[in-house]
Amino acid sequence: MKHIALLFLLAVAVLIFSSNTADKTTRTITGIVRSAVDEQPLEGVNISIKGSSFSSGTQPDGIYYIPVKQTDSVLVFALDGYHTQELKLLSSKNEYNIVLTAK
């Protein structure tokens, strides 16, 4: 019985350690995407992590949130009718407001 209790405590410790480690390897990037023409927020902009299949999109107010790994370095912003824009992420910054120019 003591062995089972010890194994259970060990499993709980591993879970706690791994969840704390995971939190340190990811972060959330956020901001607002606007049009260069009228500075209005853009809805439906696709935001993807370059080299990954993961993506997110802007809300009606232009706000976006996208979780990234610390090793991810470039976000790609794309919307029909606008030039695609790439953004190099800085490790010290989590908020980026983007302005897309029309084609």
PDB file of N, CA and C in Angstrom:
ATOM      1  N   MET A   1       0.822  -1.200   0.000  1.00  0.00           N
ATOM      2  CA  MET A   1       0.000   0.000   0.000  1.00  0.00           C
ATOM      3  C   MET A   1       0.868   1.266   0.000  1.00  0.00           C
ATOM      4  N   LYS A   2       1.996   1.230   0.712  1.00  0.00           N
ATOM      5  CA  LYS A   2       2.888   2.386   0.753  1.00  0.00           C
ATOM      6  C   LYS A   2       3.473   2.660  -0.622  1.00  0.00           C
ATOM      7  N   HIS A   3       3.716   1.596  -1.397  1.00  0.00           N
ATOM      8  CA  HIS A   3       4.275   1.757  -2.742  1.00  0.00           C
ATOM      9  C   HIS A   3       3.287   2.480  -3.657  1.00  0.00           C
ATOM     10  N   ILE A   4       2.016   2.143  -3.522  1.00  0.00           N
ATOM     11  CA  ILE A   4       0.982   2.777  -4.350  1.00  0.00           C
ATOM     12  C   ILE A   4       0.883   4.259  -3.987  1.00  0.00           C
ATOM     13  N   ALA A   5       0.905   4.556  -2.706  1.00  0.00           N
ATOM     14  CA  ALA A   5       0.837   5.958  -2.270  1.00  0.00           C
ATOM     15  C   ALA A   5       2.056   6.728  -2.756  1.00  0.00           C
ATOM     16  N   LEU A   6       3.225   6.111  -2.700  1.00  0.00           N
ATOM     17  CA  LEU A   6       4.443   6.766  -3.161  1.00  0.00           C
ATOM     18  C   LEU A   6       4.397   7.016  -4.671  1.00  0.00           C
ATOM     19  N   LEU A   7       3.927   6.038  -5.423  1.00  0.00           N
ATOM     20  CA  LEU A   7       3.787   6.200  -6.872  1.00  0.00           C
ATOM     21  C   LEU A   7       2.780   7.298  -7.212  1.00  0.00           C
ATOM     22  N   PHE A   8       1.692   7.358  -6.462  1.00  0.00           N
ATOM     23  CA  PHE A   8       0.694   8.395  -6.685  1.00  0.00           C
ATOM     24  C   PHE A   8       1.291   9.784  -6.447  1.00  0.00           C
ATOM     25  N   LEU A   9       2.018   9.955  -5.348  1.00  0.00           N
ATOM     26  CA  LEU A   9       2.644  11.239  -5.051  1.00  0.00           C
ATOM     27  C   LEU A   9       3.674  11.617  -6.114  1.00  0.00           C
ATOM     28  N   LEU A  10       4.419  10.637  -6.582  1.00  0.00           N
ATOM     29  CA  LEU A  10       5.394  10.887  -7.640  1.00  0.00           C
ATOM     30  C   LEU A  10       4.698  11.337  -8.928  1.00  0.00           C
ATOM     31  N   ALA A  11       3.593  10.688  -9.270  1.00  0.00           N
ATOM     32  CA  ALA A  11       2.843  11.054 -10.475  1.00  0.00           C
ATOM     33  C   ALA A  11       2.296  12.472 -10.363  1.00  0.00           C
ATOM     34  N   VAL A  12       1.784  12.832  -9.201  1.00  0.00           N
ATOM     35  CA  VAL A  12       1.259  14.187  -8.985  1.00  0.00           C
ATOM     36  C   VAL A  12       2.386  15.211  -9.107  1.00  0.00           C
ATOM     37  N   ALA A  13       3.545  14.917  -8.552  1.00  0.00           N
ATOM     38  CA  ALA A  13       4.679  15.839  -8.634  1.00  0.00           C
ATOM     39  C   ALA A  13       5.111  16.039 -10.078  1.00  0.00           C
ATOM     40  N   VAL A  14       5.141  14.972 -10.864  1.00  0.00           N
ATOM     41  CA  VAL A  14       5.514  15.074 -12.280  1.00  0.00           C
ATOM     42  C   VAL A  14       4.499  15.930 -13.027  1.00  0.00           C
ATOM     43  N   LEU A  15       3.207  15.746 -12.769  1.00  0.00           N
ATOM     44  CA  LEU A  15       2.178  16.551 -13.430  1.00  0.00           C
ATOM     45  C   LEU A  15       2.312  18.030 -13.076  1.00  0.00           C
ATOM     46  N   ILE A  16       2.547  18.318 -11.830  1.00  0.00           N
ATOM     47  CA  ILE A  16       2.701  19.721 -11.412  1.00  0.00           C
ATOM     48  C   ILE A  16       3.924  20.335 -12.073  1.00  0.00           C
ATOM     49  N   PHE A  17       5.038  19.620 -12.087  1.00  0.00           N
ATOM     50  CA  PHE A  17       6.255  20.139 -12.694  1.00  0.00           C
ATOM     51  C   PHE A  17       6.072  20.355 -14.190  1.00  0.00           C
ATOM     52  N   SER A  18       5.456  19.411 -14.878  1.00  0.00           N
ATOM     53  CA  SER A  18       5.298  19.543 -16.327  1.00  0.00           C
ATOM     54  C   SER A  18       4.325  20.659 -16.684  1.00  0.00           C
ATOM     55  N   SER A  19       3.284  20.901 -15.879  1.00  0.00           N
ATOM     56  CA  SER A  19       2.361  22.002 -16.185  1.00  0.00           C
ATOM     57  C   SER A  19       3.043  23.341 -15.951  1.00  0.00           C
ATOM     58  N   ASN A  20       3.890  23.450 -14.935  1.00  0.00           N
ATOM     59  CA  ASN A  20       4.629  24.688 -14.708  1.00  0.00           C
ATOM     60  C   ASN A  20       5.635  24.932 -15.820  1.00  0.00           C
ATOM     61  N   THR A  21       6.275  23.898 -16.301  1.00  0.00           N
ATOM     62  CA  THR A  21       7.238  24.021 -17.384  1.00  0.00           C
ATOM     63  C   THR A  21       6.543  24.440 -18.669  1.00  0.00           C
ATOM     64  N   ALA A  22       5.372  23.874 -18.962  1.00  0.00           N
ATOM     65  CA  ALA A  22       4.638  24.212 -20.182  1.00  0.00           C
ATOM     66  C   ALA A  22       4.244  25.682 -20.192  1.00  0.00           C
ATOM     67  N   ASP A  23       3.837  26.223 -19.036  1.00  0.00           N
ATOM     68  CA  ASP A  23       3.441  27.616 -18.965  1.00  0.00           C
ATOM     69  C   ASP A  23       4.597  28.545 -19.332  1.00  0.00           C
ATOM     70  N   LYS A  24       5.823  28.145 -19.073  1.00  0.00           N
ATOM     71  CA  LYS A  24       6.973  28.990 -19.332  1.00  0.00           C
ATOM     72  C   LYS A  24       7.440  28.907 -20.780  1.00  0.00           C
ATOM     73  N   THR A  25       6.959  27.919 -21.517  1.00  0.00           N
ATOM     74  CA  THR A  25       7.408  27.770 -22.901  1.00  0.00           C
ATOM     75  C   THR A  25       6.413  28.351 -23.897  1.00  0.00           C
ATOM     76  N   THR A  26       5.264  28.804 -23.427  1.00  0.00           N
ATOM     77  CA  THR A  26       4.283  29.431 -24.307  1.00  0.00           C
ATOM     78  C   THR A  26       3.907  30.811 -23.778  1.00  0.00           C
ATOM     79  N   ARG A  27       3.404  31.627 -24.694  1.00  0.00           N
ATOM     80  CA  ARG A  27       2.906  32.952 -24.326  1.00  0.00           C
ATOM     81  C   ARG A  27       1.809  33.323 -25.306  1.00  0.00           C
ATOM     82  N   THR A  28       0.999  34.294 -24.969  1.00  0.00           N
ATOM     83  CA  THR A  28      -0.078  34.733 -25.840  1.00  0.00           C
ATOM     84  C   THR A  28       0.274  36.084 -26.436  1.00  0.00           C
ATOM     85  N   ILE A  29       0.214  36.150 -27.759  1.00  0.00           N
ATOM     86  CA  ILE A  29       0.424  37.404 -28.474  1.00  0.00           C
ATOM     87  C   ILE A  29      -0.961  37.982 -28.758  1.00  0.00           C
ATOM     88  N   THR A  30      -1.107  39.279 -28.575  1.00  0.00           N
ATOM     89  CA  THR A  30      -2.385  39.935 -28.777  1.00  0.00           C
ATOM     90  C   THR A  30      -2.182  41.301 -29.425  1.00  0.00           C
ATOM     91  N   GLY A  31      -3.272  41.878 -29.902  1.00  0.00           N
ATOM     92  CA  GLY A  31      -3.224  43.211 -30.481  1.00  0.00           C
ATOM     93  C   GLY A  31      -4.472  43.491 -31.296  1.00  0.00           C
ATOM     94  N   ILE A  32      -4.420  44.561 -32.078  1.00  0.00           N
ATOM     95  CA  ILE A  32      -5.527  44.964 -32.948  1.00  0.00           C
ATOM     96  C   ILE A  32      -4.989  45.110 -34.358  1.00  0.00           C
ATOM     97  N   VAL A  33      -5.759  44.630 -35.334  1.00  0.00           N
ATOM     98  CA  VAL A  33      -5.390  44.799 -36.741  1.00  0.00           C
ATOM     99  C   VAL A  33      -6.335  45.831 -37.344  1.00  0.00           C
ATOM    100  N   ARG A  34      -5.751  46.858 -37.983  1.00  0.00           N
ATOM    101  CA  ARG A  34      -6.538  47.942 -38.591  1.00  0.00           C
ATOM    102  C   ARG A  34      -6.182  48.098 -40.063  1.00  0.00           C
ATOM    103  N   SER A  35      -7.084  48.768 -40.774  1.00  0.00           N
ATOM    104  CA  SER A  35      -6.862  49.098 -42.182  1.00  0.00           C
ATOM    105  C   SER A  35      -6.058  50.391 -42.275  1.00  0.00           C
ATOM    106  N   ALA A  36      -5.090  50.432 -43.188  1.00  0.00           N
ATOM    107  CA  ALA A  36      -4.302  51.648 -43.396  1.00  0.00           C
ATOM    108  C   ALA A  36      -5.148  52.739 -44.053  1.00  0.00           C
ATOM    109  N   VAL A  37      -6.208  52.348 -44.761  1.00  0.00           N
ATOM    110  CA  VAL A  37      -7.039  53.311 -45.486  1.00  0.00           C
ATOM    111  C   VAL A  37      -7.821  54.209 -44.527  1.00  0.00           C
ATOM    112  N   ASP A  38      -8.536  53.604 -43.578  1.00  0.00           N
ATOM    113  CA  ASP A  38      -9.407  54.393 -42.701  1.00  0.00           C
ATOM    114  C   ASP A  38      -9.167  54.137 -41.210  1.00  0.00           C
ATOM    115  N   GLU A  39      -8.142  53.357 -40.900  1.00  0.00           N
ATOM    116  CA  GLU A  39      -7.777  53.029 -39.524  1.00  0.00           C
ATOM    117  C   GLU A  39      -8.864  52.281 -38.763  1.00  0.00           C
ATOM    118  N   GLN A  40      -9.818  51.694 -39.497  1.00  0.00           N
ATOM    119  CA  GLN A  40     -10.880  50.909 -38.867  1.00  0.00           C
ATOM    120  C   GLN A  40     -10.375  49.498 -38.572  1.00  0.00           C
ATOM    121  N   PRO A  41     -10.895  48.872 -37.497  1.00  0.00           N
ATOM    122  CA  PRO A  41     -10.500  47.500 -37.191  1.00  0.00           C
ATOM    123  C   PRO A  41     -10.924  46.555 -38.322  1.00  0.00           C
ATOM    124  N   LEU A  42     -10.099  45.531 -38.564  1.00  0.00           N
ATOM    125  CA  LEU A  42     -10.391  44.556 -39.604  1.00  0.00           C
ATOM    126  C   LEU A  42     -10.805  43.224 -38.981  1.00  0.00           C
ATOM    127  N   GLU A  43     -11.977  42.758 -39.364  1.00  0.00           N
ATOM    128  CA  GLU A  43     -12.481  41.462 -38.903  1.00  0.00           C
ATOM    129  C   GLU A  43     -12.065  40.378 -39.892  1.00  0.00           C
ATOM    130  N   GLY A  44     -11.791  39.186 -39.385  1.00  0.00           N
ATOM    131  CA  GLY A  44     -11.524  38.041 -40.245  1.00  0.00           C
ATOM    132  C   GLY A  44     -10.111  37.933 -40.781  1.00  0.00           C
ATOM    133  N   VAL A  45      -9.188  38.713 -40.236  1.00  0.00           N
ATOM    134  CA  VAL A  45      -7.794  38.590 -40.648  1.00  0.00           C
ATOM    135  C   VAL A  45      -7.263  37.254 -40.126  1.00  0.00           C
ATOM    136  N   ASN A  46      -6.615  36.492 -40.996  1.00  0.00           N
ATOM    137  CA  ASN A  46      -6.022  35.226 -40.598  1.00  0.00           C
ATOM    138  C   ASN A  46      -4.614  35.488 -40.057  1.00  0.00           C
ATOM    139  N   ILE A  47      -4.366  35.028 -38.838  1.00  0.00           N
ATOM    140  CA  ILE A  47      -3.049  35.170 -38.229  1.00  0.00           C
ATOM    141  C   ILE A  47      -2.496  33.766 -38.051  1.00  0.00           C
ATOM    142  N   SER A  48      -1.376  33.485 -38.689  1.00  0.00           N
ATOM    143  CA  SER A  48      -0.781  32.157 -38.587  1.00  0.00           C
ATOM    144  C   SER A  48       0.662  32.263 -38.107  1.00  0.00           C
ATOM    145  N   ILE A  49       1.126  31.162 -37.547  1.00  0.00           N
ATOM    146  CA  ILE A  49       2.516  31.060 -37.127  1.00  0.00           C
ATOM    147  C   ILE A  49       3.286  30.498 -38.311  1.00  0.00           C
ATOM    148  N   LYS A  50       4.262  31.255 -38.803  1.00  0.00           N
ATOM    149  CA  LYS A  50       5.026  30.834 -39.984  1.00  0.00           C
ATOM    150  C   LYS A  50       5.701  29.487 -39.710  1.00  0.00           C
ATOM    151  N   GLY A  51       5.531  28.561 -40.656  1.00  0.00           N
ATOM    152  CA  GLY A  51       6.105  27.229 -40.508  1.00  0.00           C
ATOM    153  C   GLY A  51       5.233  26.280 -39.716  1.00  0.00           C
ATOM    154  N   SER A  52       4.025  26.710 -39.391  1.00  0.00           N
ATOM    155  CA  SER A  52       3.100  25.894 -38.602  1.00  0.00           C
ATOM    156  C   SER A  52       1.732  25.905 -39.283  1.00  0.00           C
ATOM    157  N   SER A  53       0.905  24.939 -38.965  1.00  0.00           N
ATOM    158  CA  SER A  53      -0.455  24.924 -39.509  1.00  0.00           C
ATOM    159  C   SER A  53      -1.434  25.618 -38.563  1.00  0.00           C
ATOM    160  N   PHE A  54      -0.963  26.073 -37.397  1.00  0.00           N
ATOM    161  CA  PHE A  54      -1.833  26.715 -36.416  1.00  0.00           C
ATOM    162  C   PHE A  54      -2.132  28.153 -36.818  1.00  0.00           C
ATOM    163  N   SER A  55      -3.393  28.549 -36.688  1.00  0.00           N
ATOM    164  CA  SER A  55      -3.761  29.934 -36.998  1.00  0.00           C
ATOM    165  C   SER A  55      -4.906  30.385 -36.103  1.00  0.00           C
ATOM    166  N   SER A  56      -5.152  31.673 -36.148  1.00  0.00           N
ATOM    167  CA  SER A  56      -6.224  32.310 -35.396  1.00  0.00           C
ATOM    168  C   SER A  56      -6.802  33.393 -36.288  1.00  0.00           C
ATOM    169  N   GLY A  57      -7.795  34.120 -35.798  1.00  0.00           N
ATOM    170  CA  GLY A  57      -8.384  35.191 -36.588  1.00  0.00           C
ATOM    171  C   GLY A  57      -8.785  36.362 -35.718  1.00  0.00           C
ATOM    172  N   THR A  58      -8.985  37.501 -36.375  1.00  0.00           N
ATOM    173  CA  THR A  58      -9.400  38.683 -35.616  1.00  0.00           C
ATOM    174  C   THR A  58     -10.904  38.650 -35.380  1.00  0.00           C
ATOM    175  N   GLN A  59     -11.296  39.251 -34.280  1.00  0.00           N
ATOM    176  CA  GLN A  59     -12.698  39.398 -33.912  1.00  0.00           C
ATOM    177  C   GLN A  59     -13.276  40.609 -34.648  1.00  0.00           C
ATOM    178  N   PRO A  60     -14.588  40.861 -34.540  1.00  0.00           N
ATOM    179  CA  PRO A  60     -15.184  42.017 -35.229  1.00  0.00           C
ATOM    180  C   PRO A  60     -14.525  43.357 -34.886  1.00  0.00           C
ATOM    181  N   ASP A  61     -13.951  43.463 -33.693  1.00  0.00           N
ATOM    182  CA  ASP A  61     -13.300  44.716 -33.292  1.00  0.00           C
ATOM    183  C   ASP A  61     -11.811  44.730 -33.641  1.00  0.00           C
ATOM    184  N   GLY A  62     -11.362  43.759 -34.459  1.00  0.00           N
ATOM    185  CA  GLY A  62      -9.977  43.713 -34.903  1.00  0.00           C
ATOM    186  C   GLY A  62      -9.005  43.099 -33.920  1.00  0.00           C
ATOM    187  N   ILE A  63      -9.492  42.724 -32.740  1.00  0.00           N
ATOM    188  CA  ILE A  63      -8.617  42.161 -31.702  1.00  0.00           C
ATOM    189  C   ILE A  63      -8.296  40.704 -32.018  1.00  0.00           C
ATOM    190  N   TYR A  64      -7.061  40.310 -31.742  1.00  0.00           N
ATOM    191  CA  TYR A  64      -6.659  38.921 -31.923  1.00  0.00           C
ATOM    192  C   TYR A  64      -5.857  38.444 -30.719  1.00  0.00           C
ATOM    193  N   TYR A  65      -5.896  37.141 -30.524  1.00  0.00           N
ATOM    194  CA  TYR A  65      -5.099  36.447 -29.523  1.00  0.00           C
ATOM    195  C   TYR A  65      -4.564  35.193 -30.189  1.00  0.00           C
ATOM    196  N   ILE A  66      -3.291  34.915 -30.038  1.00  0.00           N
ATOM    197  CA  ILE A  66      -2.733  33.688 -30.586  1.00  0.00           C
ATOM    198  C   ILE A  66      -1.642  33.179 -29.646  1.00  0.00           C
ATOM    199  N   PRO A  67      -1.798  31.937 -29.166  1.00  0.00           N
ATOM    200  CA  PRO A  67      -0.744  31.368 -28.316  1.00  0.00           C
ATOM    201  C   PRO A  67       0.435  30.925 -29.179  1.00  0.00           C
ATOM    202  N   VAL A  68       1.621  31.238 -28.729  1.00  0.00           N
ATOM    203  CA  VAL A  68       2.827  30.850 -29.465  1.00  0.00           C
ATOM    204  C   VAL A  68       3.828  30.225 -28.502  1.00  0.00           C
ATOM    205  N   LYS A  69       4.675  29.376 -29.042  1.00  0.00           N
ATOM    206  CA  LYS A  69       5.785  28.827 -28.270  1.00  0.00           C
ATOM    207  C   LYS A  69       6.885  29.881 -28.243  1.00  0.00           C
ATOM    208  N   GLN A  70       7.741  29.797 -27.253  1.00  0.00           N
ATOM    209  CA  GLN A  70       8.846  30.754 -27.157  1.00  0.00           C
ATOM    210  C   GLN A  70       9.745  30.685 -28.385  1.00  0.00           C
ATOM    211  N   THR A  71       9.779  29.522 -29.049  1.00  0.00           N
ATOM    212  CA  THR A  71      10.649  29.360 -30.210  1.00  0.00           C
ATOM    213  C   THR A  71      10.025  29.890 -31.500  1.00  0.00           C
ATOM    214  N   ASP A  72       8.695  30.166 -31.490  1.00  0.00           N
ATOM    215  CA  ASP A  72       8.061  30.738 -32.671  1.00  0.00           C
ATOM    216  C   ASP A  72       8.547  32.164 -32.846  1.00  0.00           C
ATOM    217  N   SER A  73       8.853  32.543 -34.093  1.00  0.00           N
ATOM    218  CA  SER A  73       9.445  33.864 -34.248  1.00  0.00           C
ATOM    219  C   SER A  73       8.722  34.776 -35.236  1.00  0.00           C
ATOM    220  N   VAL A  74       7.821  34.239 -36.082  1.00  0.00           N
ATOM    221  CA  VAL A  74       7.175  35.080 -37.094  1.00  0.00           C
ATOM    222  C   VAL A  74       5.682  34.770 -37.169  1.00  0.00           C
ATOM    223  N   LEU A  75       4.871  35.838 -37.132  1.00  0.00           N
ATOM    224  CA  LEU A  75       3.434  35.716 -37.391  1.00  0.00           C
ATOM    225  C   LEU A  75       3.151  36.274 -38.773  1.00  0.00           C
ATOM    226  N   VAL A  76       2.149  35.678 -39.445  1.00  0.00           N
ATOM    227  CA  VAL A  76       1.748  36.119 -40.777  1.00  0.00           C
ATOM    228  C   VAL A  76       0.288  36.569 -40.704  1.00  0.00           C
ATOM    229  N   PHE A  77       0.030  37.802 -41.153  1.00  0.00           N
ATOM    230  CA  PHE A  77      -1.309  38.393 -41.155  1.00  0.00           C
ATOM    231  C   PHE A  77      -1.793  38.458 -42.593  1.00  0.00           C
ATOM    232  N   ALA A  78      -2.962  37.867 -42.890  1.00  0.00           N
ATOM    233  CA  ALA A  78      -3.456  37.817 -44.265  1.00  0.00           C
ATOM    234  C   ALA A  78      -4.969  38.034 -44.300  1.00  0.00           C
ATOM    235  N   LEU A  79      -5.397  38.829 -45.282  1.00  0.00           N
ATOM    236  CA  LEU A  79      -6.812  39.082 -45.528  1.00  0.00           C
ATOM    237  C   LEU A  79      -6.970  39.425 -47.001  1.00  0.00           C
ATOM    238  N   ASP A  80      -7.971  38.818 -47.654  1.00  0.00           N
ATOM    239  CA  ASP A  80      -8.220  39.116 -49.072  1.00  0.00           C
ATOM    240  C   ASP A  80      -8.373  40.617 -49.277  1.00  0.00           C
ATOM    241  N   GLY A  81      -7.715  41.134 -50.311  1.00  0.00           N
ATOM    242  CA  GLY A  81      -7.783  42.551 -50.628  1.00  0.00           C
ATOM    243  C   GLY A  81      -6.713  43.382 -49.955  1.00  0.00           C
ATOM    244  N   TYR A  82      -5.903  42.731 -49.102  1.00  0.00           N
ATOM    245  CA  TYR A  82      -4.840  43.440 -48.390  1.00  0.00           C
ATOM    246  C   TYR A  82      -3.508  42.716 -48.606  1.00  0.00           C
ATOM    247  N   HIS A  83      -2.421  43.462 -48.503  1.00  0.00           N
ATOM    248  CA  HIS A  83      -1.101  42.863 -48.600  1.00  0.00           C
ATOM    249  C   HIS A  83      -0.834  42.034 -47.347  1.00  0.00           C
ATOM    250  N   THR A  84      -0.286  40.838 -47.539  1.00  0.00           N
ATOM    251  CA  THR A  84       0.097  39.989 -46.414  1.00  0.00           C
ATOM    252  C   THR A  84       1.284  40.629 -45.702  1.00  0.00           C
ATOM    253  N   GLN A  85       1.256  40.559 -44.387  1.00  0.00           N
ATOM    254  CA  GLN A  85       2.333  41.160 -43.596  1.00  0.00           C
ATOM    255  C   GLN A  85       2.912  40.122 -42.643  1.00  0.00           C
ATOM    256  N   GLU A  86       4.234  40.065 -42.573  1.00  0.00           N
ATOM    257  CA  GLU A  86       4.921  39.196 -41.623  1.00  0.00           C
ATOM    258  C   GLU A  86       5.465  40.040 -40.479  1.00  0.00           C
ATOM    259  N   LEU A  87       5.408  39.471 -39.282  1.00  0.00           N
ATOM    260  CA  LEU A  87       5.846  40.180 -38.083  1.00  0.00           C
ATOM    261  C   LEU A  87       6.835  39.315 -37.315  1.00  0.00           C
ATOM    262  N   LYS A  88       8.037  39.813 -37.135  1.00  0.00           N
ATOM    263  CA  LYS A  88       9.037  39.104 -36.325  1.00  0.00           C
ATOM    264  C   LYS A  88       8.762  39.414 -34.858  1.00  0.00           C
ATOM    265  N   LEU A  89       8.588  38.373 -34.061  1.00  0.00           N
ATOM    266  CA  LEU A  89       8.279  38.544 -32.645  1.00  0.00           C
ATOM    267  C   LEU A  89       9.542  38.794 -31.833  1.00  0.00           C
ATOM    268  N   LEU A  90       9.411  39.672 -30.866  1.00  0.00           N
ATOM    269  CA  LEU A  90      10.478  39.928 -29.904  1.00  0.00           C
ATOM    270  C   LEU A  90      10.149  39.160 -28.628  1.00  0.00           C
ATOM    271  N   SER A  91      11.141  38.607 -27.979  1.00  0.00           N
ATOM    272  CA  SER A  91      10.890  37.814 -26.772  1.00  0.00           C
ATOM    273  C   SER A  91      10.377  38.676 -25.616  1.00  0.00           C
ATOM    274  N   SER A  92      10.604  39.975 -25.672  1.00  0.00           N
ATOM    275  CA  SER A  92      10.215  40.864 -24.575  1.00  0.00           C
ATOM    276  C   SER A  92       8.861  41.553 -24.799  1.00  0.00           C
ATOM    277  N   LYS A  93       8.181  41.245 -25.897  1.00  0.00           N
ATOM    278  CA  LYS A  93       6.948  41.954 -26.232  1.00  0.00           C
ATOM    279  C   LYS A  93       5.833  40.962 -26.569  1.00  0.00           C
ATOM    280  N   ASN A  94       4.619  41.207 -26.040  1.00  0.00           N
ATOM    281  CA  ASN A  94       3.483  40.320 -26.290  1.00  0.00           C
ATOM    282  C   ASN A  94       2.311  41.007 -26.979  1.00  0.00           C
ATOM    283  N   GLU A  95       2.404  42.314 -27.195  1.00  0.00           N
ATOM    284  CA  GLU A  95       1.307  43.049 -27.838  1.00  0.00           C
ATOM    285  C   GLU A  95       1.822  43.764 -29.083  1.00  0.00           C
ATOM    286  N   TYR A  96       1.138  43.501 -30.198  1.00  0.00           N
ATOM    287  CA  TYR A  96       1.504  44.111 -31.477  1.00  0.00           C
ATOM    288  C   TYR A  96       0.236  44.576 -32.176  1.00  0.00           C
ATOM    289  N   ASN A  97       0.155  45.863 -32.470  1.00  0.00           N
ATOM    290  CA  ASN A  97      -0.930  46.399 -33.273  1.00  0.00           C
ATOM    291  C   ASN A  97      -0.442  46.476 -34.710  1.00  0.00           C
ATOM    292  N   ILE A  98      -1.254  45.989 -35.642  1.00  0.00           N
ATOM    293  CA  ILE A  98      -0.853  45.825 -37.029  1.00  0.00           C
ATOM    294  C   ILE A  98      -1.734  46.697 -37.921  1.00  0.00           C
ATOM    295  N   VAL A  99      -1.138  47.275 -38.954  1.00  0.00           N
ATOM    296  CA  VAL A  99      -1.876  48.039 -39.964  1.00  0.00           C
ATOM    297  C   VAL A  99      -1.635  47.356 -41.315  1.00  0.00           C
ATOM    298  N   LEU A 100      -2.735  46.915 -41.960  1.00  0.00           N
ATOM    299  CA  LEU A 100      -2.639  46.271 -43.265  1.00  0.00           C
ATOM    300  C   LEU A 100      -2.982  47.274 -44.358  1.00  0.00           C
ATOM    301  N   THR A 101      -2.211  47.256 -45.433  1.00  0.00           N
ATOM    302  CA  THR A 101      -2.470  48.147 -46.575  1.00  0.00           C
ATOM    303  C   THR A 101      -3.240  47.395 -47.657  1.00  0.00           C
ATOM    304  N   ALA A 102      -4.166  48.101 -48.286  1.00  0.00           N
ATOM    305  CA  ALA A 102      -4.992  47.506 -49.339  1.00  0.00           C
ATOM    306  C   ALA A 102      -4.150  47.295 -50.593  1.00  0.00           C
ATOM    307  N   LYS A 103      -4.527  46.284 -51.378  1.00  0.00           N
ATOM    308  CA  LYS A 103      -3.826  45.996 -52.657  1.00  0.00           C
ATOM    309  C   LYS A 103      -4.264  46.984 -53.709  1.00  0.00           C
TER     310      LYS A 103
END
